[in-house]
Amino acid sequence: MSKAKEKECPCCRTKVRDEKELKDLIHRLNRVEGQIRGIKGMLEKDAYCIDILNQVSAANSALNSFTKVLLSNHIKSCVADDVRQGSEEKLDELVQTLQKFMK
């Protein structure tokens, strides 16, 4: 796909990740997924509210950790490569995304 087409259809963008990065990200998401299933199971078993809230906090921390790693990888690869090529498109996109996180 050409660069012009990529800009026209941002939903079709892709990112090739090395095996180590991919495994790490999937491991982190699997952990979050397991924690969410555990929370659901706690609800179904009428667990005490504070115990459930503690598990929700742990799941949030795990998802935040995933986000930090993905963001770091994005900055070091996608954004840095774009800036080195003389473009600031991905940098601008990153700023907009960070603004959404900080609402």
PDB file of N, CA and C in Angstrom:
ATOM      1  N   MET A   1       0.846  -1.180   0.000  1.00  0.00           N
ATOM      2  CA  MET A   1       0.000   0.000   0.000  1.00  0.00           C
ATOM      3  C   MET A   1       0.887   1.237   0.000  1.00  0.00           C
ATOM      4  N   SER A   2       0.565   2.199  -0.811  1.00  0.00           N
ATOM      5  CA  SER A   2       1.370   3.409  -0.905  1.00  0.00           C
ATOM      6  C   SER A   2       1.141   4.309   0.300  1.00  0.00           C
ATOM      7  N   LYS A   3       2.082   5.235   0.518  1.00  0.00           N
ATOM      8  CA  LYS A   3       1.961   6.187   1.626  1.00  0.00           C
ATOM      9  C   LYS A   3       0.687   7.020   1.489  1.00  0.00           C
ATOM     10  N   ALA A   4       0.341   7.414   0.262  1.00  0.00           N
ATOM     11  CA  ALA A   4      -0.863   8.216   0.048  1.00  0.00           C
ATOM     12  C   ALA A   4      -2.101   7.439   0.475  1.00  0.00           C
ATOM     13  N   LYS A   5      -2.166   6.178   0.111  1.00  0.00           N
ATOM     14  CA  LYS A   5      -3.298   5.341   0.502  1.00  0.00           C
ATOM     15  C   LYS A   5      -3.337   5.175   2.015  1.00  0.00           C
ATOM     16  N   GLU A   6      -2.165   5.012   2.642  1.00  0.00           N
ATOM     17  CA  GLU A   6      -2.095   4.855   4.089  1.00  0.00           C
ATOM     18  C   GLU A   6      -2.698   6.068   4.784  1.00  0.00           C
ATOM     19  N   LYS A   7      -2.422   7.263   4.278  1.00  0.00           N
ATOM     20  CA  LYS A   7      -2.947   8.479   4.883  1.00  0.00           C
ATOM     21  C   LYS A   7      -4.448   8.587   4.675  1.00  0.00           C
ATOM     22  N   GLU A   8      -4.961   8.063   3.573  1.00  0.00           N
ATOM     23  CA  GLU A   8      -6.390   8.128   3.294  1.00  0.00           C
ATOM     24  C   GLU A   8      -7.183   7.171   4.172  1.00  0.00           C
ATOM     25  N   CYS A   9      -6.573   6.091   4.593  1.00  0.00           N
ATOM     26  CA  CYS A   9      -7.296   5.058   5.321  1.00  0.00           C
ATOM     27  C   CYS A   9      -6.509   4.643   6.571  1.00  0.00           C
ATOM     28  N   PRO A  10      -6.568   5.443   7.633  1.00  0.00           N
ATOM     29  CA  PRO A  10      -5.772   5.136   8.815  1.00  0.00           C
ATOM     30  C   PRO A  10      -6.175   3.828   9.498  1.00  0.00           C
ATOM     31  N   CYS A  11      -7.371   3.320   9.229  1.00  0.00           N
ATOM     32  CA  CYS A  11      -7.794   2.065   9.848  1.00  0.00           C
ATOM     33  C   CYS A  11      -7.027   0.866   9.291  1.00  0.00           C
ATOM     34  N   CYS A  12      -6.349   1.041   8.187  1.00  0.00           N
ATOM     35  CA  CYS A  12      -5.619  -0.060   7.551  1.00  0.00           C
ATOM     36  C   CYS A  12      -4.136  -0.080   7.907  1.00  0.00           C
ATOM     37  N   ARG A  13      -3.706   0.811   8.774  1.00  0.00           N
ATOM     38  CA  ARG A  13      -2.295   0.861   9.147  1.00  0.00           C
ATOM     39  C   ARG A  13      -1.920  -0.389   9.926  1.00  0.00           C
ATOM     40  N   THR A  14      -0.667  -0.784   9.800  1.00  0.00           N
ATOM     41  CA  THR A  14      -0.177  -1.947  10.529  1.00  0.00           C
ATOM     42  C   THR A  14       1.170  -1.623  11.146  1.00  0.00           C
ATOM     43  N   LYS A  15       1.607  -2.489  12.033  1.00  0.00           N
ATOM     44  CA  LYS A  15       2.907  -2.346  12.693  1.00  0.00           C
ATOM     45  C   LYS A  15       3.500  -3.736  12.825  1.00  0.00           C
ATOM     46  N   VAL A  16       4.661  -3.935  12.243  1.00  0.00           N
ATOM     47  CA  VAL A  16       5.360  -5.210  12.368  1.00  0.00           C
ATOM     48  C   VAL A  16       6.183  -5.149  13.649  1.00  0.00           C
ATOM     49  N   ARG A  17       5.905  -6.076  14.556  1.00  0.00           N
ATOM     50  CA  ARG A  17       6.610  -6.115  15.839  1.00  0.00           C
ATOM     51  C   ARG A  17       7.555  -7.300  15.855  1.00  0.00           C
ATOM     52  N   ASP A  18       8.700  -7.127  16.516  1.00  0.00           N
ATOM     53  CA  ASP A  18       9.584  -8.273  16.638  1.00  0.00           C
ATOM     54  C   ASP A  18       8.963  -9.267  17.628  1.00  0.00           C
ATOM     55  N   GLU A  19       9.439 -10.490  17.587  1.00  0.00           N
ATOM     56  CA  GLU A  19       8.836 -11.577  18.359  1.00  0.00           C
ATOM     57  C   GLU A  19       8.849 -11.296  19.860  1.00  0.00           C
ATOM     58  N   LYS A  20       9.932 -10.736  20.367  1.00  0.00           N
ATOM     59  CA  LYS A  20      10.046 -10.445  21.800  1.00  0.00           C
ATOM     60  C   LYS A  20       8.997  -9.417  22.235  1.00  0.00           C
ATOM     61  N   GLU A  21       8.856  -8.341  21.473  1.00  0.00           N
ATOM     62  CA  GLU A  21       7.870  -7.308  21.790  1.00  0.00           C
ATOM     63  C   GLU A  21       6.458  -7.878  21.755  1.00  0.00           C
ATOM     64  N   LEU A  22       6.167  -8.650  20.708  1.00  0.00           N
ATOM     65  CA  LEU A  22       4.842  -9.246  20.561  1.00  0.00           C
ATOM     66  C   LEU A  22       4.523 -10.176  21.723  1.00  0.00           C
ATOM     67  N   LYS A  23       5.465 -11.050  22.075  1.00  0.00           N
ATOM     68  CA  LYS A  23       5.240 -11.980  23.184  1.00  0.00           C
ATOM     69  C   LYS A  23       4.998 -11.240  24.494  1.00  0.00           C
ATOM     70  N   ASP A  24       5.776 -10.184  24.738  1.00  0.00           N
ATOM     71  CA  ASP A  24       5.620  -9.404  25.966  1.00  0.00           C
ATOM     72  C   ASP A  24       4.240  -8.757  26.030  1.00  0.00           C
ATOM     73  N   LEU A  25       3.818  -8.129  24.941  1.00  0.00           N
ATOM     74  CA  LEU A  25       2.517  -7.467  24.929  1.00  0.00           C
ATOM     75  C   LEU A  25       1.376  -8.464  25.091  1.00  0.00           C
ATOM     76  N   ILE A  26       1.469  -9.589  24.411  1.00  0.00           N
ATOM     77  CA  ILE A  26       0.419 -10.610  24.531  1.00  0.00           C
ATOM     78  C   ILE A  26       0.385 -11.175  25.951  1.00  0.00           C
ATOM     79  N   HIS A  27       1.561 -11.408  26.541  1.00  0.00           N
ATOM     80  CA  HIS A  27       1.621 -11.896  27.920  1.00  0.00           C
ATOM     81  C   HIS A  27       0.917 -10.917  28.867  1.00  0.00           C
ATOM     82  N   ARG A  28       1.171  -9.637  28.684  1.00  0.00           N
ATOM     83  CA  ARG A  28       0.542  -8.626  29.531  1.00  0.00           C
ATOM     84  C   ARG A  28      -0.973  -8.610  29.349  1.00  0.00           C
ATOM     85  N   LEU A  29      -1.434  -8.722  28.111  1.00  0.00           N
ATOM     86  CA  LEU A  29      -2.877  -8.738  27.866  1.00  0.00           C
ATOM     87  C   LEU A  29      -3.524 -10.015  28.397  1.00  0.00           C
ATOM     88  N   ASN A  30      -2.834 -11.135  28.288  1.00  0.00           N
ATOM     89  CA  ASN A  30      -3.366 -12.381  28.843  1.00  0.00           C
ATOM     90  C   ASN A  30      -3.549 -12.262  30.351  1.00  0.00           C
ATOM     91  N   ARG A  31      -2.605 -11.585  30.985  1.00  0.00           N
ATOM     92  CA  ARG A  31      -2.692 -11.376  32.432  1.00  0.00           C
ATOM     93  C   ARG A  31      -3.917 -10.531  32.775  1.00  0.00           C
ATOM     94  N   VAL A  32      -4.127  -9.449  32.032  1.00  0.00           N
ATOM     95  CA  VAL A  32      -5.296  -8.593  32.256  1.00  0.00           C
ATOM     96  C   VAL A  32      -6.576  -9.392  32.025  1.00  0.00           C
ATOM     97  N   GLU A  33      -6.595 -10.159  30.944  1.00  0.00           N
ATOM     98  CA  GLU A  33      -7.773 -10.961  30.620  1.00  0.00           C
ATOM     99  C   GLU A  33      -8.094 -11.944  31.748  1.00  0.00           C
ATOM    100  N   GLY A  34      -7.071 -12.579  32.288  1.00  0.00           N
ATOM    101  CA  GLY A  34      -7.268 -13.506  33.397  1.00  0.00           C
ATOM    102  C   GLY A  34      -7.797 -12.801  34.637  1.00  0.00           C
ATOM    103  N   GLN A  35      -7.284 -11.607  34.888  1.00  0.00           N
ATOM    104  CA  GLN A  35      -7.761 -10.844  36.046  1.00  0.00           C
ATOM    105  C   GLN A  35      -9.228 -10.450  35.877  1.00  0.00           C
ATOM    106  N   ILE A  36      -9.610 -10.071  34.676  1.00  0.00           N
ATOM    107  CA  ILE A  36     -11.007  -9.699  34.416  1.00  0.00           C
ATOM    108  C   ILE A  36     -11.920 -10.910  34.594  1.00  0.00           C
ATOM    109  N   ARG A  37     -11.495 -12.059  34.078  1.00  0.00           N
ATOM    110  CA  ARG A  37     -12.279 -13.283  34.290  1.00  0.00           C
ATOM    111  C   ARG A  37     -12.396 -13.600  35.779  1.00  0.00           C
ATOM    112  N   GLY A  38     -11.303 -13.372  36.509  1.00  0.00           N
ATOM    113  CA  GLY A  38     -11.327 -13.602  37.951  1.00  0.00           C
ATOM    114  C   GLY A  38     -12.305 -12.682  38.657  1.00  0.00           C
ATOM    115  N   ILE A  39     -12.362 -11.433  38.236  1.00  0.00           N
ATOM    116  CA  ILE A  39     -13.301 -10.479  38.823  1.00  0.00           C
ATOM    117  C   ILE A  39     -14.737 -10.929  38.556  1.00  0.00           C
ATOM    118  N   LYS A  40     -14.986 -11.358  37.327  1.00  0.00           N
ATOM    119  CA  LYS A  40     -16.328 -11.846  36.985  1.00  0.00           C
ATOM    120  C   LYS A  40     -16.690 -13.041  37.863  1.00  0.00           C
ATOM    121  N   GLY A  41     -15.732 -13.953  38.037  1.00  0.00           N
ATOM    122  CA  GLY A  41     -15.972 -15.121  38.885  1.00  0.00           C
ATOM    123  C   GLY A  41     -16.243 -14.721  40.333  1.00  0.00           C
ATOM    124  N   MET A  42     -15.532 -13.713  40.818  1.00  0.00           N
ATOM    125  CA  MET A  42     -15.761 -13.231  42.177  1.00  0.00           C
ATOM    126  C   MET A  42     -17.180 -12.686  42.330  1.00  0.00           C
ATOM    127  N   LEU A  43     -17.647 -11.959  41.323  1.00  0.00           N
ATOM    128  CA  LEU A  43     -19.022 -11.445  41.365  1.00  0.00           C
ATOM    129  C   LEU A  43     -20.027 -12.585  41.399  1.00  0.00           C
ATOM    130  N   GLU A  44     -19.788 -13.573  40.542  1.00  0.00           N
ATOM    131  CA  GLU A  44     -20.702 -14.720  40.474  1.00  0.00           C
ATOM    132  C   GLU A  44     -20.728 -15.514  41.780  1.00  0.00           C
ATOM    133  N   LYS A  45     -19.639 -15.448  42.545  1.00  0.00           N
ATOM    134  CA  LYS A  45     -19.552 -16.174  43.824  1.00  0.00           C
ATOM    135  C   LYS A  45     -19.862 -15.268  45.018  1.00  0.00           C
ATOM    136  N   ASP A  46     -20.421 -14.086  44.729  1.00  0.00           N
ATOM    137  CA  ASP A  46     -20.819 -13.148  45.777  1.00  0.00           C
ATOM    138  C   ASP A  46     -19.669 -12.743  46.687  1.00  0.00           C
ATOM    139  N   ALA A  47     -18.503 -12.502  46.110  1.00  0.00           N
ATOM    140  CA  ALA A  47     -17.335 -12.090  46.891  1.00  0.00           C
ATOM    141  C   ALA A  47     -17.578 -10.720  47.518  1.00  0.00           C
ATOM    142  N   TYR A  48     -16.857 -10.453  48.558  1.00  0.00           N
ATOM    143  CA  TYR A  48     -16.941  -9.188  49.291  1.00  0.00           C
ATOM    144  C   TYR A  48     -16.473  -8.037  48.393  1.00  0.00           C
ATOM    145  N   CYS A  49     -17.172  -6.915  48.482  1.00  0.00           N
ATOM    146  CA  CYS A  49     -16.928  -5.758  47.601  1.00  0.00           C
ATOM    147  C   CYS A  49     -15.466  -5.314  47.602  1.00  0.00           C
ATOM    148  N   ILE A  50     -14.857  -5.191  48.770  1.00  0.00           N
ATOM    149  CA  ILE A  50     -13.475  -4.710  48.856  1.00  0.00           C
ATOM    150  C   ILE A  50     -12.517  -5.685  48.175  1.00  0.00           C
ATOM    151  N   ASP A  51     -12.788  -6.969  48.297  1.00  0.00           N
ATOM    152  CA  ASP A  51     -11.939  -7.959  47.622  1.00  0.00           C
ATOM    153  C   ASP A  51     -12.022  -7.798  46.107  1.00  0.00           C
ATOM    154  N   ILE A  52     -13.224  -7.538  45.616  1.00  0.00           N
ATOM    155  CA  ILE A  52     -13.410  -7.316  44.174  1.00  0.00           C
ATOM    156  C   ILE A  52     -12.706  -6.026  43.758  1.00  0.00           C
ATOM    157  N   LEU A  53     -12.879  -4.982  44.550  1.00  0.00           N
ATOM    158  CA  LEU A  53     -12.233  -3.703  44.227  1.00  0.00           C
ATOM    159  C   LEU A  53     -10.718  -3.836  44.199  1.00  0.00           C
ATOM    160  N   ASN A  54     -10.160  -4.631  45.100  1.00  0.00           N
ATOM    161  CA  ASN A  54      -8.709  -4.864  45.083  1.00  0.00           C
ATOM    162  C   ASN A  54      -8.279  -5.543  43.787  1.00  0.00           C
ATOM    163  N   GLN A  55      -9.080  -6.474  43.299  1.00  0.00           N
ATOM    164  CA  GLN A  55      -8.763  -7.142  42.037  1.00  0.00           C
ATOM    165  C   GLN A  55      -8.929  -6.199  40.853  1.00  0.00           C
ATOM    166  N   VAL A  56      -9.915  -5.318  40.913  1.00  0.00           N
ATOM    167  CA  VAL A  56     -10.098  -4.316  39.858  1.00  0.00           C
ATOM    168  C   VAL A  56      -8.875  -3.397  39.810  1.00  0.00           C
ATOM    169  N   SER A  57      -8.383  -3.014  40.977  1.00  0.00           N
ATOM    170  CA  SER A  57      -7.187  -2.176  41.044  1.00  0.00           C
ATOM    171  C   SER A  57      -5.992  -2.881  40.411  1.00  0.00           C
ATOM    172  N   ALA A  58      -5.834  -4.166  40.692  1.00  0.00           N
ATOM    173  CA  ALA A  58      -4.730  -4.932  40.108  1.00  0.00           C
ATOM    174  C   ALA A  58      -4.870  -5.020  38.590  1.00  0.00           C
ATOM    175  N   ALA A  59      -6.100  -5.214  38.103  1.00  0.00           N
ATOM    176  CA  ALA A  59      -6.332  -5.284  36.654  1.00  0.00           C
ATOM    177  C   ALA A  59      -6.036  -3.938  35.998  1.00  0.00           C
ATOM    178  N   ASN A  60      -6.452  -2.856  36.648  1.00  0.00           N
ATOM    179  CA  ASN A  60      -6.147  -1.515  36.123  1.00  0.00           C
ATOM    180  C   ASN A  60      -4.644  -1.286  36.050  1.00  0.00           C
ATOM    181  N   SER A  61      -3.926  -1.701  37.085  1.00  0.00           N
ATOM    182  CA  SER A  61      -2.466  -1.542  37.091  1.00  0.00           C
ATOM    183  C   SER A  61      -1.828  -2.332  35.960  1.00  0.00           C
ATOM    184  N   ALA A  62      -2.309  -3.550  35.744  1.00  0.00           N
ATOM    185  CA  ALA A  62      -1.763  -4.382  34.665  1.00  0.00           C
ATOM    186  C   ALA A  62      -2.052  -3.761  33.300  1.00  0.00           C
ATOM    187  N   LEU A  63      -3.244  -3.220  33.113  1.00  0.00           N
ATOM    188  CA  LEU A  63      -3.582  -2.580  31.838  1.00  0.00           C
ATOM    189  C   LEU A  63      -2.767  -1.298  31.648  1.00  0.00           C
ATOM    190  N   ASN A  64      -2.563  -0.552  32.712  1.00  0.00           N
ATOM    191  CA  ASN A  64      -1.716   0.644  32.629  1.00  0.00           C
ATOM    192  C   ASN A  64      -0.283   0.270  32.278  1.00  0.00           C
ATOM    193  N   SER A  65       0.202  -0.828  32.828  1.00  0.00           N
ATOM    194  CA  SER A  65       1.551  -1.296  32.505  1.00  0.00           C
ATOM    195  C   SER A  65       1.653  -1.649  31.023  1.00  0.00           C
ATOM    196  N   PHE A  66       0.652  -2.337  30.501  1.00  0.00           N
ATOM    197  CA  PHE A  66       0.594  -2.656  29.073  1.00  0.00           C
ATOM    198  C   PHE A  66       0.644  -1.369  28.248  1.00  0.00           C
ATOM    199  N   THR A  67      -0.166  -0.379  28.645  1.00  0.00           N
ATOM    200  CA  THR A  67      -0.234   0.891  27.930  1.00  0.00           C
ATOM    201  C   THR A  67       1.123   1.582  27.910  1.00  0.00           C
ATOM    202  N   LYS A  68       1.813   1.596  29.038  1.00  0.00           N
ATOM    203  CA  LYS A  68       3.126   2.253  29.123  1.00  0.00           C
ATOM    204  C   LYS A  68       4.142   1.578  28.200  1.00  0.00           C
ATOM    205  N   VAL A  69       4.137   0.253  28.172  1.00  0.00           N
ATOM    206  CA  VAL A  69       5.081  -0.473  27.312  1.00  0.00           C
ATOM    207  C   VAL A  69       4.760  -0.213  25.844  1.00  0.00           C
ATOM    208  N   LEU A  70       3.483  -0.293  25.482  1.00  0.00           N
ATOM    209  CA  LEU A  70       3.088  -0.048  24.094  1.00  0.00           C
ATOM    210  C   LEU A  70       3.416   1.382  23.682  1.00  0.00           C
ATOM    211  N   LEU A  71       3.151   2.340  24.556  1.00  0.00           N
ATOM    212  CA  LEU A  71       3.458   3.739  24.267  1.00  0.00           C
ATOM    213  C   LEU A  71       4.962   3.946  24.080  1.00  0.00           C
ATOM    214  N   SER A  72       5.744   3.364  24.952  1.00  0.00           N
ATOM    215  CA  SER A  72       7.201   3.478  24.841  1.00  0.00           C
ATOM    216  C   SER A  72       7.696   2.892  23.518  1.00  0.00           C
ATOM    217  N   ASN A  73       7.204   1.710  23.182  1.00  0.00           N
ATOM    218  CA  ASN A  73       7.593   1.076  21.920  1.00  0.00           C
ATOM    219  C   ASN A  73       7.193   1.946  20.727  1.00  0.00           C
ATOM    220  N   HIS A  74       6.008   2.532  20.793  1.00  0.00           N
ATOM    221  CA  HIS A  74       5.516   3.376  19.700  1.00  0.00           C
ATOM    222  C   HIS A  74       6.416   4.606  19.521  1.00  0.00           C
ATOM    223  N   ILE A  75       6.770   5.237  20.625  1.00  0.00           N
ATOM    224  CA  ILE A  75       7.619   6.430  20.554  1.00  0.00           C
ATOM    225  C   ILE A  75       8.991   6.080  19.989  1.00  0.00           C
ATOM    226  N   LYS A  76       9.566   4.978  20.478  1.00  0.00           N
ATOM    227  CA  LYS A  76      10.919   4.592  20.063  1.00  0.00           C
ATOM    228  C   LYS A  76      10.985   4.106  18.616  1.00  0.00           C
ATOM    229  N   SER A  77       9.864   3.624  18.089  1.00  0.00           N
ATOM    230  CA  SER A  77       9.907   3.107  16.719  1.00  0.00           C
ATOM    231  C   SER A  77       9.113   4.003  15.768  1.00  0.00           C
ATOM    232  N   CYS A  78       7.812   3.942  15.817  1.00  0.00           N
ATOM    233  CA  CYS A  78       6.964   4.647  14.849  1.00  0.00           C
ATOM    234  C   CYS A  78       7.218   6.158  14.830  1.00  0.00           C
ATOM    235  N   VAL A  79       7.175   6.770  16.007  1.00  0.00           N
ATOM    236  CA  VAL A  79       7.327   8.231  16.077  1.00  0.00           C
ATOM    237  C   VAL A  79       8.746   8.639  15.708  1.00  0.00           C
ATOM    238  N   ALA A  80       9.736   7.966  16.290  1.00  0.00           N
ATOM    239  CA  ALA A  80      11.131   8.311  16.009  1.00  0.00           C
ATOM    240  C   ALA A  80      11.461   8.145  14.530  1.00  0.00           C
ATOM    241  N   ASP A  81      11.010   7.061  13.911  1.00  0.00           N
ATOM    242  CA  ASP A  81      11.255   6.843  12.482  1.00  0.00           C
ATOM    243  C   ASP A  81      10.621   7.951  11.644  1.00  0.00           C
ATOM    244  N   ASP A  82       9.406   8.344  11.994  1.00  0.00           N
ATOM    245  CA  ASP A  82       8.699   9.389  11.254  1.00  0.00           C
ATOM    246  C   ASP A  82       9.442  10.725  11.359  1.00  0.00           C
ATOM    247  N   VAL A  83       9.897  11.061  12.560  1.00  0.00           N
ATOM    248  CA  VAL A  83      10.630  12.319  12.769  1.00  0.00           C
ATOM    249  C   VAL A  83      11.955  12.289  12.010  1.00  0.00           C
ATOM    250  N   ARG A  84      12.657  11.148  12.060  1.00  0.00           N
ATOM    251  CA  ARG A  84      13.930  11.032  11.322  1.00  0.00           C
ATOM    252  C   ARG A  84      13.724  11.238   9.826  1.00  0.00           C
ATOM    253  N   GLN A  85      12.533  10.887   9.324  1.00  0.00           N
ATOM    254  CA  GLN A  85      12.236  11.058   7.903  1.00  0.00           C
ATOM    255  C   GLN A  85      11.736  12.464   7.586  1.00  0.00           C
ATOM    256  N   GLY A  86      11.748  13.334   8.600  1.00  0.00           N
ATOM    257  CA  GLY A  86      11.377  14.726   8.381  1.00  0.00           C
ATOM    258  C   GLY A  86       9.891  15.013   8.517  1.00  0.00           C
ATOM    259  N   SER A  87       9.135  14.080   9.029  1.00  0.00           N
ATOM    260  CA  SER A  87       7.697  14.278   9.181  1.00  0.00           C
ATOM    261  C   SER A  87       7.351  14.389  10.673  1.00  0.00           C
ATOM    262  N   GLU A  88       6.301  15.104  10.957  1.00  0.00           N
ATOM    263  CA  GLU A  88       5.835  15.206  12.340  1.00  0.00           C
ATOM    264  C   GLU A  88       4.418  14.663  12.483  1.00  0.00           C
ATOM    265  N   GLU A  89       3.940  13.952  11.466  1.00  0.00           N
ATOM    266  CA  GLU A  89       2.566  13.440  11.470  1.00  0.00           C
ATOM    267  C   GLU A  89       2.315  12.518  12.668  1.00  0.00           C
ATOM    268  N   LYS A  90       3.214  11.568  12.890  1.00  0.00           N
ATOM    269  CA  LYS A  90       3.020  10.629  13.998  1.00  0.00           C
ATOM    270  C   LYS A  90       3.229  11.299  15.347  1.00  0.00           C
ATOM    271  N   LEU A  91       4.070  12.300  15.390  1.00  0.00           N
ATOM    272  CA  LEU A  91       4.261  13.075  16.614  1.00  0.00           C
ATOM    273  C   LEU A  91       2.977  13.828  16.957  1.00  0.00           C
ATOM    274  N   ASP A  92       2.365  14.462  15.973  1.00  0.00           N
ATOM    275  CA  ASP A  92       1.097  15.163  16.182  1.00  0.00           C
ATOM    276  C   ASP A  92       0.005  14.183  16.617  1.00  0.00           C
ATOM    277  N   GLU A  93      -0.020  13.021  15.980  1.00  0.00           N
ATOM    278  CA  GLU A  93      -0.992  11.981  16.328  1.00  0.00           C
ATOM    279  C   GLU A  93      -0.807  11.537  17.784  1.00  0.00           C
ATOM    280  N   LEU A  94       0.453  11.393  18.196  1.00  0.00           N
ATOM    281  CA  LEU A  94       0.763  10.998  19.567  1.00  0.00           C
ATOM    282  C   LEU A  94       0.278  12.057  20.558  1.00  0.00           C
ATOM    283  N   VAL A  95       0.516  13.309  20.264  1.00  0.00           N
ATOM    284  CA  VAL A  95       0.063  14.397  21.153  1.00  0.00           C
ATOM    285  C   VAL A  95      -1.439  14.355  21.305  1.00  0.00           C
ATOM    286  N   GLN A  96      -2.174  14.166  20.219  1.00  0.00           N
ATOM    287  CA  GLN A  96      -3.638  14.082  20.272  1.00  0.00           C
ATOM    288  C   GLN A  96      -4.083  12.888  21.127  1.00  0.00           C
ATOM    289  N   THR A  97      -3.404  11.774  20.967  1.00  0.00           N
ATOM    290  CA  THR A  97      -3.743  10.570  21.742  1.00  0.00           C
ATOM    291  C   THR A  97      -3.479  10.782  23.215  1.00  0.00           C
ATOM    292  N   LEU A  98      -2.349  11.403  23.548  1.00  0.00           N
ATOM    293  CA  LEU A  98      -2.023  11.668  24.953  1.00  0.00           C
ATOM    294  C   LEU A  98      -3.036  12.623  25.569  1.00  0.00           C
ATOM    295  N   GLN A  99      -3.521  13.580  24.791  1.00  0.00           N
ATOM    296  CA  GLN A  99      -4.532  14.499  25.298  1.00  0.00           C
ATOM    297  C   GLN A  99      -5.818  13.746  25.650  1.00  0.00           C
ATOM    298  N   LYS A 100      -6.166  12.720  24.886  1.00  0.00           N
ATOM    299  CA  LYS A 100      -7.336  11.896  25.197  1.00  0.00           C
ATOM    300  C   LYS A 100      -7.136  11.147  26.509  1.00  0.00           C
ATOM    301  N   PHE A 101      -5.918  10.655  26.738  1.00  0.00           N
ATOM    302  CA  PHE A 101      -5.613   9.929  27.974  1.00  0.00           C
ATOM    303  C   PHE A 101      -5.729  10.823  29.196  1.00  0.00           C
ATOM    304  N   MET A 102      -5.477  12.107  29.015  1.00  0.00           N
ATOM    305  CA  MET A 102      -5.410  13.019  30.154  1.00  0.00           C
ATOM    306  C   MET A 102      -6.721  13.735  30.436  1.00  0.00           C
ATOM    307  N   LYS A 103      -7.796  13.334  29.793  1.00  0.00           N
ATOM    308  CA  LYS A 103      -9.104  13.957  30.035  1.00  0.00           C
ATOM    309  C   LYS A 103      -9.596  13.633  31.417  1.00  0.00           C
TER     310      LYS A 103
END
